[in-house]
């Protein structure tokens, strides 16, 4: 994560915030939205969505399943 990032219930900027993922946390994505602008991740026992504009992607995530 390039910033502290909100983990959200849905891939929408106004969706419920489940928790905040700290800056510099490294996670693996399990899926993406159709446009690959949001990533489905798990952190601290919660699974949800992070906005891709705040994430540094190291591998080609466009091959992840659309969820």
PDB file of N, CA and C in Angstrom:
ATOM      1  N   UNK A   1       0.836  -1.166   0.000  1.00  0.00           N
ATOM      2  CA  UNK A   1       0.000   0.000   0.000  1.00  0.00           C
ATOM      3  C   UNK A   1       0.890   1.241   0.000  1.00  0.00           C
ATOM      4  N   UNK A   2       0.542   2.176  -0.863  1.00  0.00           N
ATOM      5  CA  UNK A   2       1.286   3.433  -0.933  1.00  0.00           C
ATOM      6  C   UNK A   2       0.845   4.439   0.127  1.00  0.00           C
ATOM      7  N   UNK A   3      -0.270   4.172   0.780  1.00  0.00           N
ATOM      8  CA  UNK A   3      -0.860   5.040   1.803  1.00  0.00           C
ATOM      9  C   UNK A   3      -1.537   4.144   2.826  1.00  0.00           C
ATOM     10  N   UNK A   4      -2.068   4.721   3.902  1.00  0.00           N
ATOM     11  CA  UNK A   4      -3.043   3.992   4.708  1.00  0.00           C
ATOM     12  C   UNK A   4      -4.280   3.873   3.822  1.00  0.00           C
ATOM     13  N   UNK A   5      -4.790   2.676   3.644  1.00  0.00           N
ATOM     14  CA  UNK A   5      -5.862   2.442   2.675  1.00  0.00           C
ATOM     15  C   UNK A   5      -7.058   1.811   3.375  1.00  0.00           C
ATOM     16  N   UNK A   6      -8.247   2.320   3.072  1.00  0.00           N
ATOM     17  CA  UNK A   6      -9.474   1.746   3.631  1.00  0.00           C
ATOM     18  C   UNK A   6      -9.831   0.459   2.899  1.00  0.00           C
ATOM     19  N   UNK A   7     -10.110  -0.572   3.669  1.00  0.00           N
ATOM     20  CA  UNK A   7     -10.647  -1.823   3.135  1.00  0.00           C
ATOM     21  C   UNK A   7     -12.154  -1.676   3.170  1.00  0.00           C
ATOM     22  N   UNK A   8     -12.793  -1.786   2.016  1.00  0.00           N
ATOM     23  CA  UNK A   8     -14.234  -1.517   1.915  1.00  0.00           C
ATOM     24  C   UNK A   8     -15.026  -2.778   1.596  1.00  0.00           C
ATOM     25  N   UNK A   9     -16.291  -2.759   1.956  1.00  0.00           N
ATOM     26  CA  UNK A   9     -17.173  -3.904   1.771  1.00  0.00           C
ATOM     27  C   UNK A   9     -17.482  -4.180   0.300  1.00  0.00           C
ATOM     28  N   UNK A  10     -17.480  -3.139  -0.514  1.00  0.00           N
ATOM     29  CA  UNK A  10     -17.755  -3.257  -1.951  1.00  0.00           C
ATOM     30  C   UNK A  10     -16.753  -2.385  -2.701  1.00  0.00           C
ATOM     31  N   UNK A  11     -16.570  -2.620  -3.979  1.00  0.00           N
ATOM     32  CA  UNK A  11     -15.630  -1.801  -4.754  1.00  0.00           C
ATOM     33  C   UNK A  11     -16.222  -0.452  -5.153  1.00  0.00           C
ATOM     34  N   UNK A  12     -16.530   0.357  -4.134  1.00  0.00           N
ATOM     35  CA  UNK A  12     -17.113   1.683  -4.329  1.00  0.00           C
ATOM     36  C   UNK A  12     -16.554   2.615  -3.270  1.00  0.00           C
ATOM     37  N   UNK A  13     -16.277   3.847  -3.625  1.00  0.00           N
ATOM     38  CA  UNK A  13     -15.660   4.784  -2.686  1.00  0.00           C
ATOM     39  C   UNK A  13     -16.572   5.172  -1.527  1.00  0.00           C
ATOM     40  N   UNK A  14     -17.880   4.945  -1.642  1.00  0.00           N
ATOM     41  CA  UNK A  14     -18.781   5.263  -0.536  1.00  0.00           C
ATOM     42  C   UNK A  14     -19.248   4.021   0.211  1.00  0.00           C
ATOM     43  N   UNK A  15     -18.644   2.854  -0.061  1.00  0.00           N
ATOM     44  CA  UNK A  15     -19.009   1.614   0.625  1.00  0.00           C
ATOM     45  C   UNK A  15     -18.507   1.629   2.068  1.00  0.00           C
ATOM     46  N   UNK A  16     -19.106   0.793   2.889  1.00  0.00           N
ATOM     47  CA  UNK A  16     -18.719   0.672   4.295  1.00  0.00           C
ATOM     48  C   UNK A  16     -17.222   0.385   4.437  1.00  0.00           C
ATOM     49  N   UNK A  17     -16.568   1.081   5.366  1.00  0.00           N
ATOM     50  CA  UNK A  17     -15.155   0.839   5.660  1.00  0.00           C
ATOM     51  C   UNK A  17     -15.071  -0.267   6.702  1.00  0.00           C
ATOM     52  N   UNK A  18     -14.364  -1.342   6.366  1.00  0.00           N
ATOM     53  CA  UNK A  18     -14.204  -2.464   7.281  1.00  0.00           C
ATOM     54  C   UNK A  18     -13.044  -2.238   8.250  1.00  0.00           C
ATOM     55  N   UNK A  19     -11.963  -1.681   7.744  1.00  0.00           N
ATOM     56  CA  UNK A  19     -10.782  -1.350   8.542  1.00  0.00           C
ATOM     57  C   UNK A  19      -9.827  -0.558   7.670  1.00  0.00           C
ATOM     58  N   UNK A  20      -8.737  -0.087   8.249  1.00  0.00           N
ATOM     59  CA  UNK A  20      -7.723   0.642   7.494  1.00  0.00           C
ATOM     60  C   UNK A  20      -6.445  -0.179   7.468  1.00  0.00           C
ATOM     61  N   UNK A  21      -5.915  -0.384   6.276  1.00  0.00           N
ATOM     62  CA  UNK A  21      -4.669  -1.130   6.091  1.00  0.00           C
ATOM     63  C   UNK A  21      -3.522  -0.128   6.152  1.00  0.00           C
ATOM     64  N   UNK A  22      -2.514  -0.395   6.992  1.00  0.00           N
ATOM     65  CA  UNK A  22      -1.418   0.564   7.150  1.00  0.00           C
ATOM     66  C   UNK A  22      -0.541   0.701   5.908  1.00  0.00           C
ATOM     67  N   UNK A  23       0.040   1.897   5.799  1.00  0.00           N
ATOM     68  CA  UNK A  23       1.027   2.207   4.760  1.00  0.00           C
ATOM     69  C   UNK A  23       2.112   1.136   4.738  1.00  0.00           C
ATOM     70  N   UNK A  24       2.559   0.800   3.560  1.00  0.00           N
ATOM     71  CA  UNK A  24       3.674  -0.117   3.316  1.00  0.00           C
ATOM     72  C   UNK A  24       3.343  -1.584   3.570  1.00  0.00           C
ATOM     73  N   UNK A  25       2.070  -1.912   3.771  1.00  0.00           N
ATOM     74  CA  UNK A  25       1.659  -3.302   3.929  1.00  0.00           C
ATOM     75  C   UNK A  25       1.687  -3.979   2.567  1.00  0.00           C
ATOM     76  N   UNK A  26       2.189  -5.206   2.526  1.00  0.00           N
ATOM     77  CA  UNK A  26       2.224  -5.983   1.288  1.00  0.00           C
ATOM     78  C   UNK A  26       1.153  -7.067   1.388  1.00  0.00           C
ATOM     79  N   UNK A  27       0.271  -7.118   0.395  1.00  0.00           N
ATOM     80  CA  UNK A  27      -0.812  -8.100   0.359  1.00  0.00           C
ATOM     81  C   UNK A  27      -0.878  -8.751  -1.011  1.00  0.00           C
ATOM     82  N   UNK A  28      -1.516  -9.906  -1.059  1.00  0.00           N
ATOM     83  CA  UNK A  28      -1.803 -10.557  -2.335  1.00  0.00           C
ATOM     84  C   UNK A  28      -3.272 -10.330  -2.662  1.00  0.00           C
ATOM     85  N   UNK A  29      -3.547 -10.028  -3.915  1.00  0.00           N
ATOM     86  CA  UNK A  29      -4.928  -9.813  -4.353  1.00  0.00           C
ATOM     87  C   UNK A  29      -5.540 -11.146  -4.769  1.00  0.00           C
ATOM     88  N   UNK A  30      -6.838 -11.308  -4.474  1.00  0.00           N
ATOM     89  CA  UNK A  30      -7.562 -12.524  -4.831  1.00  0.00           C
ATOM     90  C   UNK A  30      -8.513 -12.294  -5.998  1.00  0.00           C
ATOM     91  N   UNK A  31      -8.726 -11.037  -6.358  1.00  0.00           N
ATOM     92  CA  UNK A  31      -9.637 -10.730  -7.447  1.00  0.00           C
ATOM     93  C   UNK A  31      -9.602  -9.249  -7.753  1.00  0.00           C
ATOM     94  N   UNK A  32     -10.424  -8.867  -8.726  1.00  0.00           N
ATOM     95  CA  UNK A  32     -10.490  -7.479  -9.177  1.00  0.00           C
ATOM     96  C   UNK A  32     -11.900  -7.183  -9.650  1.00  0.00           C
ATOM     97  N   UNK A  33     -12.207  -5.890  -9.792  1.00  0.00           N
ATOM     98  CA  UNK A  33     -13.475  -5.544 -10.422  1.00  0.00           C
ATOM     99  C   UNK A  33     -13.274  -5.575 -11.941  1.00  0.00           C
ATOM    100  N   UNK A  34     -14.313  -5.378 -12.694  1.00  0.00           N
ATOM    101  CA  UNK A  34     -14.257  -5.508 -14.154  1.00  0.00           C
ATOM    102  C   UNK A  34     -13.212  -4.598 -14.781  1.00  0.00           C
ATOM    103  N   UNK A  35     -13.076  -3.371 -14.298  1.00  0.00           N
ATOM    104  CA  UNK A  35     -12.138  -2.402 -14.877  1.00  0.00           C
ATOM    105  C   UNK A  35     -10.736  -2.485 -14.282  1.00  0.00           C
ATOM    106  N   UNK A  36     -10.531  -3.411 -13.333  1.00  0.00           N
ATOM    107  CA  UNK A  36      -9.251  -3.560 -12.624  1.00  0.00           C
ATOM    108  C   UNK A  36      -8.836  -2.249 -11.947  1.00  0.00           C
ATOM    109  N   UNK A  37      -9.824  -1.575 -11.347  1.00  0.00           N
ATOM    110  CA  UNK A  37      -9.546  -0.355 -10.605  1.00  0.00           C
ATOM    111  C   UNK A  37      -9.661  -0.578  -9.101  1.00  0.00           C
ATOM    112  N   UNK A  38     -10.234  -1.696  -8.700  1.00  0.00           N
ATOM    113  CA  UNK A  38     -10.341  -2.107  -7.302  1.00  0.00           C
ATOM    114  C   UNK A  38      -9.818  -3.535  -7.186  1.00  0.00           C
ATOM    115  N   UNK A  39      -9.176  -3.825  -6.025  1.00  0.00           N
ATOM    116  CA  UNK A  39      -8.580  -5.143  -5.788  1.00  0.00           C
ATOM    117  C   UNK A  39      -9.201  -5.777  -4.552  1.00  0.00           C
ATOM    118  N   UNK A  40      -9.525  -7.067  -4.666  1.00  0.00           N
ATOM    119  CA  UNK A  40     -10.073  -7.835  -3.550  1.00  0.00           C
ATOM    120  C   UNK A  40      -8.910  -8.426  -2.765  1.00  0.00           C
ATOM    121  N   UNK A  41      -8.804  -8.066  -1.486  1.00  0.00           N
ATOM    122  CA  UNK A  41      -7.689  -8.511  -0.647  1.00  0.00           C
ATOM    123  C   UNK A  41      -8.215  -8.930   0.723  1.00  0.00           C
ATOM    124  N   UNK A  42      -7.366  -9.610   1.473  1.00  0.00           N
ATOM    125  CA  UNK A  42      -7.666  -9.959   2.868  1.00  0.00           C
ATOM    126  C   UNK A  42      -6.578  -9.371   3.749  1.00  0.00           C
ATOM    127  N   UNK A  43      -7.020  -8.860   4.916  1.00  0.00           N
ATOM    128  CA  UNK A  43      -6.080  -8.298   5.885  1.00  0.00           C
ATOM    129  C   UNK A  43      -6.694  -8.405   7.274  1.00  0.00           C
ATOM    130  N   UNK A  44      -5.935  -8.889   8.208  1.00  0.00           N
ATOM    131  CA  UNK A  44      -6.342  -8.957   9.611  1.00  0.00           C
ATOM    132  C   UNK A  44      -7.700  -9.645   9.785  1.00  0.00           C
ATOM    133  N   UNK A  45      -7.915 -10.738   9.043  1.00  0.00           N
ATOM    134  CA  UNK A  45      -9.142 -11.513   9.155  1.00  0.00           C
ATOM    135  C   UNK A  45     -10.336 -10.971   8.399  1.00  0.00           C
ATOM    136  N   UNK A  46     -10.165  -9.869   7.679  1.00  0.00           N
ATOM    137  CA  UNK A  46     -11.253  -9.267   6.898  1.00  0.00           C
ATOM    138  C   UNK A  46     -10.920  -9.346   5.411  1.00  0.00           C
ATOM    139  N   UNK A  47     -11.925  -9.610   4.602  1.00  0.00           N
ATOM    140  CA  UNK A  47     -11.766  -9.594   3.144  1.00  0.00           C
ATOM    141  C   UNK A  47     -12.618  -8.454   2.603  1.00  0.00           C
ATOM    142  N   UNK A  48     -12.025  -7.678   1.707  1.00  0.00           N
ATOM    143  CA  UNK A  48     -12.750  -6.551   1.129  1.00  0.00           C
ATOM    144  C   UNK A  48     -11.981  -5.956  -0.026  1.00  0.00           C
ATOM    145  N   UNK A  49     -12.345  -4.738  -0.375  1.00  0.00           N
ATOM    146  CA  UNK A  49     -11.850  -4.083  -1.581  1.00  0.00           C
ATOM    147  C   UNK A  49     -10.991  -2.871  -1.250  1.00  0.00           C
ATOM    148  N   UNK A  50      -9.906  -2.701  -2.003  1.00  0.00           N
ATOM    149  CA  UNK A  50      -9.079  -1.497  -1.897  1.00  0.00           C
ATOM    150  C   UNK A  50      -9.049  -0.800  -3.256  1.00  0.00           C
ATOM    151  N   UNK A  51      -9.073   0.510  -3.209  1.00  0.00           N
ATOM    152  CA  UNK A  51      -9.049   1.335  -4.418  1.00  0.00           C
ATOM    153  C   UNK A  51      -7.655   1.258  -5.034  1.00  0.00           C
ATOM    154  N   UNK A  52      -7.577   0.851  -6.287  1.00  0.00           N
ATOM    155  CA  UNK A  52      -6.312   0.652  -6.973  1.00  0.00           C
ATOM    156  C   UNK A  52      -5.445   1.891  -7.115  1.00  0.00           C
ATOM    157  N   UNK A  53      -6.026   3.086  -7.002  1.00  0.00           N
ATOM    158  CA  UNK A  53      -5.213   4.295  -7.143  1.00  0.00           C
ATOM    159  C   UNK A  53      -4.266   4.478  -5.965  1.00  0.00           C
ATOM    160  N   UNK A  54      -4.485   3.736  -4.868  1.00  0.00           N
ATOM    161  CA  UNK A  54      -3.630   3.853  -3.684  1.00  0.00           C
ATOM    162  C   UNK A  54      -2.711   2.651  -3.495  1.00  0.00           C
ATOM    163  N   UNK A  55      -2.659   1.791  -4.503  1.00  0.00           N
ATOM    164  CA  UNK A  55      -1.920   0.535  -4.394  1.00  0.00           C
ATOM    165  C   UNK A  55      -0.844   0.465  -5.470  1.00  0.00           C
ATOM    166  N   UNK A  56       0.323  -0.023  -5.102  1.00  0.00           N
ATOM    167  CA  UNK A  56       1.387  -0.285  -6.077  1.00  0.00           C
ATOM    168  C   UNK A  56       1.311  -1.767  -6.442  1.00  0.00           C
ATOM    169  N   UNK A  57       1.010  -2.047  -7.689  1.00  0.00           N
ATOM    170  CA  UNK A  57       0.865  -3.422  -8.160  1.00  0.00           C
ATOM    171  C   UNK A  57       2.189  -3.870  -8.767  1.00  0.00           C
ATOM    172  N   UNK A  58       2.689  -5.012  -8.295  1.00  0.00           N
ATOM    173  CA  UNK A  58       3.988  -5.484  -8.763  1.00  0.00           C
ATOM    174  C   UNK A  58       3.894  -6.521  -9.881  1.00  0.00           C
ATOM    175  N   UNK A  59       2.813  -7.240  -9.947  1.00  0.00           N
ATOM    176  CA  UNK A  59       2.640  -8.263 -10.972  1.00  0.00           C
ATOM    177  C   UNK A  59       1.404  -7.940 -11.802  1.00  0.00           C
ATOM    178  N   UNK A  60       1.291  -8.525 -12.996  1.00  0.00           N
ATOM    179  CA  UNK A  60       0.102  -8.242 -13.821  1.00  0.00           C
ATOM    180  C   UNK A  60      -1.157  -8.821 -13.189  1.00  0.00           C
ATOM    181  N   UNK A  61      -1.904  -7.975 -12.537  1.00  0.00           N
ATOM    182  CA  UNK A  61      -3.113  -8.406 -11.839  1.00  0.00           C
ATOM    183  C   UNK A  61      -4.338  -8.452 -12.740  1.00  0.00           C
ATOM    184  N   UNK A  62      -4.213  -8.035 -13.977  1.00  0.00           N
ATOM    185  CA  UNK A  62      -5.358  -8.075 -14.885  1.00  0.00           C
ATOM    186  C   UNK A  62      -5.815  -9.493 -15.176  1.00  0.00           C
ATOM    187  N   UNK A  63      -4.992 -10.487 -14.826  1.00  0.00           N
ATOM    188  CA  UNK A  63      -5.362 -11.879 -15.024  1.00  0.00           C
ATOM    189  C   UNK A  63      -6.127 -12.455 -13.829  1.00  0.00           C
ATOM    190  N   UNK A  64      -6.260 -11.686 -12.749  1.00  0.00           N
ATOM    191  CA  UNK A  64      -7.048 -12.136 -11.609  1.00  0.00           C
ATOM    192  C   UNK A  64      -8.513 -12.241 -11.988  1.00  0.00           C
ATOM    193  N   UNK A  65      -9.265 -13.132 -11.322  1.00  0.00           N
ATOM    194  CA  UNK A  65     -10.686 -13.264 -11.660  1.00  0.00           C
ATOM    195  C   UNK A  65     -11.480 -12.015 -11.285  1.00  0.00           C
ATOM    196  N   UNK A  66     -12.483 -11.722 -12.106  1.00  0.00           N
ATOM    197  CA  UNK A  66     -13.408 -10.627 -11.819  1.00  0.00           C
ATOM    198  C   UNK A  66     -14.383 -11.129 -10.770  1.00  0.00           C
ATOM    199  N   UNK A  67     -14.572 -10.357  -9.713  1.00  0.00           N
ATOM    200  CA  UNK A  67     -15.472 -10.775  -8.612  1.00  0.00           C
ATOM    201  C   UNK A  67     -16.589  -9.777  -8.433  1.00  0.00           C
TER     202      UNK A  67
END
